[in-house]
Amino acid sequence: MLELILAGTLFTSEPVAMCAIEPEGRRWQRRAPTGLTARCPNDVPDAEGLQEVADAALAAIDYENLELSIREVRYAVADQASFAYVDRRWQPELGQVMIERGYSVPVTDTVLARWMVCSASLSPDAAGVPEAPKAHCASDNPSPVFKTSMENRLLESLSNTRLLPAERRYCLDQRFVSEVSIHDHFTGNRWGGGGAMPDPQALPNMCEQ
């Protein structure tokens, strides 16, 4: 049974430690990270155990199947990871996105819409890979073709997302808001569609779909 986690509502009453995260790999923002390392605090209970748990969780992430980034799209890595001290042992907290890749929008689409808001389901496996992610998008452009195109681009991005592996299965309800515009590098001007942004809270929870 999957545990449902709502974006922005993650919390715990247990002691929590934050470990700093560093990416590995040459030109990792474009080529994708080849690994992540953690630097955990030593002023917490069982500091050695915390470091071991962090190292094991990061080592379990699937890095090999991350695709090379294309065009202007880049990878981003979390600055830190959190671990809770439960029953005298450390364990990763749920819902932590460690690696994510942006998605590109064709220039021709920027004249069709200014805003895109999406909800998505992220249910990571033991390697932090989202299993069959689902997405639903809305924009100020009512075209179903545009909507489908944007959802496919988001799903491609989600396939290159990695979450911190946890000890139990769950589904994270994630929300995305993107403003689409053309940037003229010569003049510094931006332009695009001019519609109103749809309400992100009106989108369906894809973990329940």
Protein backbone atom coordinates (compact mmCIF):
# COMPACT_ATOMS: atom_id res chain seq x y z
CA MET A 1 0.00 0.00 0.00
CA LEU A 2 1.33 3.41 -0.95
CA GLU A 3 1.48 6.19 1.60
CA LEU A 4 0.24 9.51 0.20
CA ILE A 5 2.51 12.51 0.81
CA LEU A 6 1.27 15.99 -0.07
CA ALA A 7 3.85 18.48 -1.33
CA GLY A 8 4.62 21.11 1.28
CA THR A 9 3.20 19.10 4.22
CA LEU A 10 6.20 16.95 5.12
CA PHE A 11 7.08 17.18 8.79
CA THR A 12 8.17 15.04 11.71
CA SER A 13 8.23 15.35 15.48
CA GLU A 14 11.45 13.33 15.68
CA PRO A 15 14.95 14.86 15.84
CA VAL A 16 16.14 15.71 12.34
CA ALA A 17 19.66 16.11 10.94
CA MET A 18 20.56 17.84 7.68
CA CYS A 19 23.43 16.53 5.56
CA ALA A 20 25.07 18.71 2.91
CA ILE A 21 25.00 17.19 -0.59
CA GLU A 22 27.68 17.50 -3.28
CA PRO A 23 27.31 16.23 -6.88
CA GLU A 24 29.98 14.17 -8.63
CA GLY A 25 30.85 14.04 -12.30
CA ARG A 26 32.44 16.22 -14.94
CA ARG A 27 30.04 18.87 -16.26
CA TRP A 28 27.28 17.18 -14.27
CA GLN A 29 24.71 19.91 -14.97
CA ARG A 30 24.63 18.87 -18.63
CA ARG A 31 25.87 15.27 -18.55
CA ALA A 32 23.96 14.31 -15.36
CA PRO A 33 25.57 13.56 -11.98
CA THR A 34 27.47 10.31 -11.68
CA GLY A 35 26.98 10.24 -7.92
CA LEU A 36 26.15 12.24 -4.82
CA THR A 37 28.13 12.51 -1.58
CA ALA A 38 26.90 13.59 1.85
CA ARG A 39 28.63 15.55 4.58
CA CYS A 40 26.67 14.98 7.78
CA PRO A 41 26.98 16.78 11.14
CA ASN A 42 28.95 15.17 13.93
CA ASP A 43 27.13 16.86 16.83
CA VAL A 44 24.09 14.57 16.71
CA PRO A 45 23.29 11.21 18.36
CA ASP A 46 25.07 8.33 16.62
CA ALA A 47 26.80 10.62 14.11
CA GLU A 48 28.66 7.67 12.62
CA GLY A 49 25.41 5.84 12.03
CA LEU A 50 23.91 8.93 10.37
CA GLN A 51 26.80 9.14 7.93
CA GLU A 52 26.51 5.44 7.11
CA VAL A 53 22.76 5.72 6.44
CA ALA A 54 23.25 8.79 4.25
CA ASP A 55 26.04 7.13 2.27
CA ALA A 56 23.96 3.99 1.74
CA ALA A 57 20.88 5.93 0.61
CA LEU A 58 22.85 7.99 -1.91
CA ALA A 59 24.69 4.93 -3.20
CA ALA A 60 21.35 3.22 -3.89
CA ILE A 61 20.22 5.94 -6.32
CA ASP A 62 20.14 4.98 -10.00
CA TYR A 63 22.59 7.30 -11.76
CA GLU A 64 23.36 5.11 -14.78
CA ASN A 65 20.01 5.64 -16.51
CA LEU A 66 19.97 9.43 -16.30
CA GLU A 67 19.89 10.79 -19.83
CA LEU A 68 22.30 13.36 -21.19
CA SER A 69 20.80 16.81 -21.04
CA ILE A 70 20.02 18.54 -24.33
CA ARG A 71 19.93 22.10 -25.57
CA GLU A 72 19.56 24.60 -22.73
CA VAL A 73 18.10 22.10 -20.26
CA ARG A 74 20.20 21.48 -17.16
CA TYR A 75 20.26 19.16 -14.16
CA ALA A 76 19.84 20.47 -10.62
CA VAL A 77 20.87 18.77 -7.37
CA ALA A 78 19.50 19.27 -3.86
CA ASP A 79 21.78 21.18 -1.48
CA GLN A 80 20.94 18.93 1.46
CA ALA A 81 19.09 15.84 2.61
CA SER A 82 17.23 15.33 5.88
CA PHE A 83 17.21 12.28 8.14
CA ALA A 84 15.01 11.57 11.16
CA TYR A 85 16.18 9.83 14.34
CA VAL A 86 13.44 7.25 14.97
CA ASP A 87 13.68 4.45 17.55
CA ARG A 88 17.36 5.27 18.13
CA ARG A 89 18.36 4.97 14.48
CA TRP A 90 18.57 7.32 11.52
CA GLN A 91 16.42 6.98 8.41
CA PRO A 92 15.78 9.16 5.34
CA GLU A 93 12.71 11.37 5.44
CA LEU A 94 10.16 10.91 2.67
CA GLY A 95 9.59 13.04 -0.40
CA GLN A 96 13.12 14.35 -1.03
CA VAL A 97 13.94 15.12 -4.67
CA MET A 98 17.72 14.84 -5.01
CA ILE A 99 18.20 15.15 -8.79
CA GLU A 100 15.90 16.79 -11.31
CA ARG A 101 16.18 17.86 -14.92
CA GLY A 102 14.35 20.81 -16.39
CA TYR A 103 12.30 20.67 -19.55
CA SER A 104 12.44 22.86 -22.64
CA VAL A 105 9.60 24.63 -24.40
CA PRO A 106 9.82 25.23 -28.17
CA VAL A 107 9.96 28.90 -29.14
CA THR A 108 6.81 28.42 -31.23
CA ASP A 109 4.91 27.45 -28.06
CA THR A 110 5.78 30.63 -26.19
CA VAL A 111 3.38 32.59 -28.39
CA LEU A 112 0.60 30.17 -27.47
CA ALA A 113 0.71 30.45 -23.69
CA ARG A 114 2.44 32.27 -20.88
CA TRP A 115 1.63 30.00 -17.94
CA MET A 116 1.74 26.28 -17.37
CA VAL A 117 0.78 24.69 -14.04
CA CYS A 118 1.02 20.96 -13.50
CA SER A 119 0.45 18.31 -10.85
CA ALA A 120 2.39 15.06 -10.91
CA SER A 121 2.74 11.83 -8.98
CA LEU A 122 6.17 10.62 -7.86
CA SER A 123 6.30 7.13 -6.38
CA PRO A 124 10.01 6.21 -6.10
CA ASP A 125 11.33 2.66 -6.16
CA ALA A 126 14.29 1.39 -4.14
CA ALA A 127 16.68 3.26 -6.46
CA GLY A 128 14.81 6.56 -6.20
CA VAL A 129 13.32 6.28 -9.71
CA PRO A 130 9.68 7.43 -10.05
CA GLU A 131 7.56 4.46 -11.08
CA ALA A 132 5.12 5.30 -13.90
CA PRO A 133 4.80 9.01 -13.04
CA LYS A 134 1.58 10.73 -14.08
CA ALA A 135 1.06 14.39 -14.91
CA HIS A 136 -1.83 16.78 -15.49
CA CYS A 137 -1.23 20.29 -16.82
CA ALA A 138 -3.31 23.40 -17.38
CA SER A 139 -2.41 26.67 -19.06
CA ASP A 140 -3.88 29.88 -20.42
CA ASN A 141 -3.98 28.14 -23.82
CA PRO A 142 -7.05 25.86 -24.03
CA SER A 143 -5.63 23.78 -26.91
CA PRO A 144 -5.62 20.04 -26.01
CA VAL A 145 -2.64 19.56 -28.35
CA PHE A 146 -0.60 22.11 -26.40
CA LYS A 147 -1.68 20.53 -23.09
CA THR A 148 -0.60 17.06 -24.23
CA SER A 149 2.73 18.39 -25.51
CA MET A 150 3.50 20.04 -22.18
CA GLU A 151 2.50 16.96 -20.18
CA ASN A 152 4.80 14.78 -22.30
CA ARG A 153 7.71 17.17 -21.75
CA LEU A 154 7.11 17.13 -18.01
CA LEU A 155 6.92 13.32 -17.95
CA GLU A 156 10.25 13.16 -19.78
CA SER A 157 11.72 15.39 -17.11
CA LEU A 158 10.23 13.25 -14.33
CA SER A 159 11.83 10.12 -15.82
CA ASN A 160 15.15 11.84 -15.11
CA THR A 161 14.22 12.74 -11.54
CA ARG A 162 15.71 10.85 -8.61
CA LEU A 163 14.39 10.88 -5.06
CA LEU A 164 16.23 9.81 -1.93
CA PRO A 165 15.41 6.10 -1.41
CA ALA A 166 13.36 5.50 1.73
CA GLU A 167 12.41 2.49 3.80
CA ARG A 168 8.73 2.47 2.83
CA ARG A 169 6.73 3.09 -0.32
CA TYR A 170 4.85 6.33 -0.80
CA CYS A 171 3.49 8.65 -3.48
CA LEU A 172 4.45 12.33 -3.51
CA ASP A 173 1.94 14.81 -4.91
CA GLN A 174 4.11 17.46 -6.60
CA ARG A 175 3.06 20.81 -8.10
CA PHE A 176 4.89 22.81 -10.79
CA VAL A 177 4.39 26.38 -11.98
CA SER A 178 6.20 27.60 -15.11
CA GLU A 179 6.15 31.00 -16.76
CA VAL A 180 6.91 30.73 -20.48
CA SER A 181 8.48 33.62 -22.34
CA ILE A 182 11.02 34.45 -25.03
CA HIS A 183 14.22 36.13 -23.83
CA ASP A 184 16.00 38.39 -26.31
CA HIS A 185 19.67 38.22 -25.29
CA PHE A 186 20.45 41.39 -27.28
CA THR A 187 17.82 43.71 -25.82
CA GLY A 188 17.06 41.91 -22.56
CA ASN A 189 13.34 41.99 -23.36
CA ARG A 190 10.95 39.14 -22.67
CA TRP A 191 7.60 38.49 -24.32
CA GLY A 192 5.09 35.73 -24.67
CA GLY A 193 1.40 35.03 -24.14
CA GLY A 194 -0.57 37.21 -21.78
CA GLY A 195 -3.26 35.00 -20.26
CA ALA A 196 -4.05 34.48 -16.58
CA MET A 197 -2.30 31.76 -14.60
CA PRO A 198 -4.57 28.79 -13.72
CA ASP A 199 -4.95 27.95 -10.03
CA PRO A 200 -2.43 25.18 -9.13
CA GLN A 201 -4.64 24.08 -6.22
CA ALA A 202 -7.47 23.30 -8.65
CA LEU A 203 -5.43 20.55 -10.30
CA PRO A 204 -6.15 16.92 -9.43
CA ASN A 205 -3.98 14.95 -7.04
CA MET A 206 -2.31 12.53 -9.46
CA CYS A 207 -1.45 10.10 -6.66
CA GLU A 208 -5.19 9.43 -6.41
CA GLN A 209 -5.76 9.00 -10.15
